[in-house]
Protein backbone atom coordinates (compact mmCIF):
# COMPACT_ATOMS: atom_id res chain seq x y z
CA MET A 1 70.40 89.82 138.59
CA LEU A 2 71.64 92.57 136.31
CA SER A 3 70.63 92.45 132.68
CA ARG A 4 72.98 93.41 129.89
CA LEU A 5 72.54 97.10 129.07
CA THR A 6 74.77 97.35 126.01
CA ASN A 7 74.22 96.20 122.47
CA ARG A 8 76.77 93.51 121.74
CA PHE A 9 76.74 94.45 118.06
CA GLU A 10 77.18 98.18 118.57
CA GLY A 11 78.81 100.13 115.77
CA TYR A 12 82.48 100.65 115.06
CA ARG A 13 84.57 103.41 116.65
CA ARG A 14 84.24 106.87 115.14
CA LEU A 15 87.34 108.99 114.54
CA GLN A 16 87.43 111.83 117.06
CA PRO A 17 90.20 114.23 115.98
CA ALA A 18 89.38 116.75 118.73
CA LYS A 19 90.09 114.17 121.45
CA PHE A 20 92.86 111.97 120.05
CA GLU A 21 96.05 113.01 118.27
CA ARG A 22 96.23 109.75 116.30
CA ASP A 23 92.67 110.27 115.02
CA ALA A 24 93.57 113.82 113.95
CA ALA A 25 96.60 112.51 112.04
CA LEU A 26 94.47 109.82 110.34
CA LEU A 27 91.85 112.38 109.36
CA GLU A 28 94.54 114.65 107.92
CA LEU A 29 95.94 111.70 105.96
CA VAL A 30 92.54 110.75 104.55
CA GLN A 31 91.83 114.34 103.52
CA SER A 32 95.25 114.56 101.82
CA LEU A 33 94.18 111.58 99.69
CA GLY A 34 91.27 113.63 98.34
CA ILE A 35 88.52 112.01 100.41
CA ALA A 36 85.98 114.65 101.41
CA GLY A 37 83.81 113.49 104.26
CA SER A 38 82.67 114.56 107.67
CA VAL A 39 82.08 111.26 109.52
CA PHE A 40 84.72 108.52 109.60
CA HIS A 41 84.54 105.17 111.42
CA VAL A 42 87.38 102.69 111.93
CA LEU A 43 86.07 99.34 110.68
CA ASN A 44 89.37 97.56 111.22
CA GLU A 45 92.74 98.51 112.70
CA MET A 46 95.39 95.81 112.61
CA PRO A 47 98.89 96.51 113.91
CA GLU A 48 101.57 94.67 111.98
CA GLN A 49 105.31 94.56 112.55
CA GLY A 50 106.31 97.56 110.41
CA GLU A 51 102.95 99.12 109.56
CA ASP A 52 99.35 99.45 110.67
CA LEU A 53 96.50 98.34 108.42
CA PHE A 54 93.34 100.46 108.49
CA THR A 55 89.87 100.08 107.02
CA LEU A 56 87.74 103.22 107.30
CA LEU A 57 84.12 104.00 106.50
CA CYS A 58 83.90 107.48 104.98
CA ASP A 59 80.47 109.02 105.66
CA ASP A 60 78.03 106.31 104.53
CA GLN A 61 79.30 105.95 100.96
CA LEU A 62 82.84 104.60 100.75
CA VAL A 63 85.13 102.11 102.48
CA MET A 64 88.86 102.55 102.09
CA SER A 65 91.73 100.32 103.19
CA PHE A 66 95.38 101.32 103.42
CA GLU A 67 98.68 100.68 105.18
CA VAL A 68 100.41 103.29 107.33
CA PRO A 69 104.15 102.67 107.82
CA ARG A 70 105.26 103.19 111.41
CA GLY A 71 107.69 105.87 112.44
CA LYS A 72 106.86 108.35 109.67
CA ILE A 73 105.52 111.77 110.52
CA PRO A 74 103.39 113.04 108.87
CA LEU A 75 101.52 109.78 108.23
CA ASP A 76 101.74 108.31 104.74
CA ALA A 77 99.37 105.78 103.15
CA VAL A 78 100.43 102.84 101.00
CA ASP A 79 98.34 100.27 99.05
CA ILE A 80 95.14 102.33 99.05
CA VAL A 81 91.96 100.48 98.05
CA LYS A 82 88.61 102.31 97.74
CA VAL A 83 85.36 100.34 97.55
CA PRO A 84 81.72 101.54 97.40
CA ILE A 85 79.73 100.58 100.51
CA GLY A 86 77.40 98.23 98.59
CA GLU A 87 80.31 96.20 97.25
CA TYR A 88 81.92 96.06 100.71
CA ARG A 89 78.66 94.84 102.31
CA ASN A 90 78.45 92.01 99.75
CA LYS A 91 82.10 91.14 100.30
CA ILE A 92 81.82 90.69 104.09
CA GLY A 93 78.68 88.54 103.79
CA GLN A 94 76.34 87.83 106.69
CA GLY A 95 77.01 87.60 110.39
CA LYS A 96 78.26 89.81 113.16
CA HIS A 97 80.49 91.96 110.91
CA ARG A 98 77.52 92.76 108.66
CA ILE A 99 75.33 93.58 111.69
CA ARG A 100 78.03 95.90 113.10
CA LEU A 101 78.49 97.55 109.69
CA ASP A 102 74.74 98.17 109.36
CA GLU A 103 74.63 99.64 112.88
CA THR A 104 77.59 101.90 112.03
CA LEU A 105 75.91 103.01 108.78
CA LYS A 106 72.76 103.86 110.73
CA ASN A 107 74.82 105.93 113.21
CA ALA A 108 76.70 107.67 110.39
CA ARG A 109 73.42 108.61 108.68
CA VAL A 110 72.10 110.08 111.92
CA LEU A 111 75.28 112.16 112.32
CA LEU A 112 75.03 113.28 108.68
CA GLY A 113 71.36 114.22 109.08
CA ARG A 114 70.07 111.78 106.46
């Protein structure tokens, strides 16, 4: 019998602007908001009727949430909320989301060389 080879609490998806056009547009949007970082992970992406809601981890320091209205090019962010990572960790509490966040933070620190 085969055993499970993947971690069920693996980290969140990292933005890959070289591979995906949507990721490149999101990265450009985040940088236009004055966020300087080199590693970004998508903690939550929720499509709504007229907009998409995003929550991104910027490096291993900051979590930002914002809405992106559909149909606008270039992308534009609305209702931007920035939270330090410590405050965000306390807000989500314990459980699978906290485990996935910690795994993502570990991966981000490896990519950043920390």
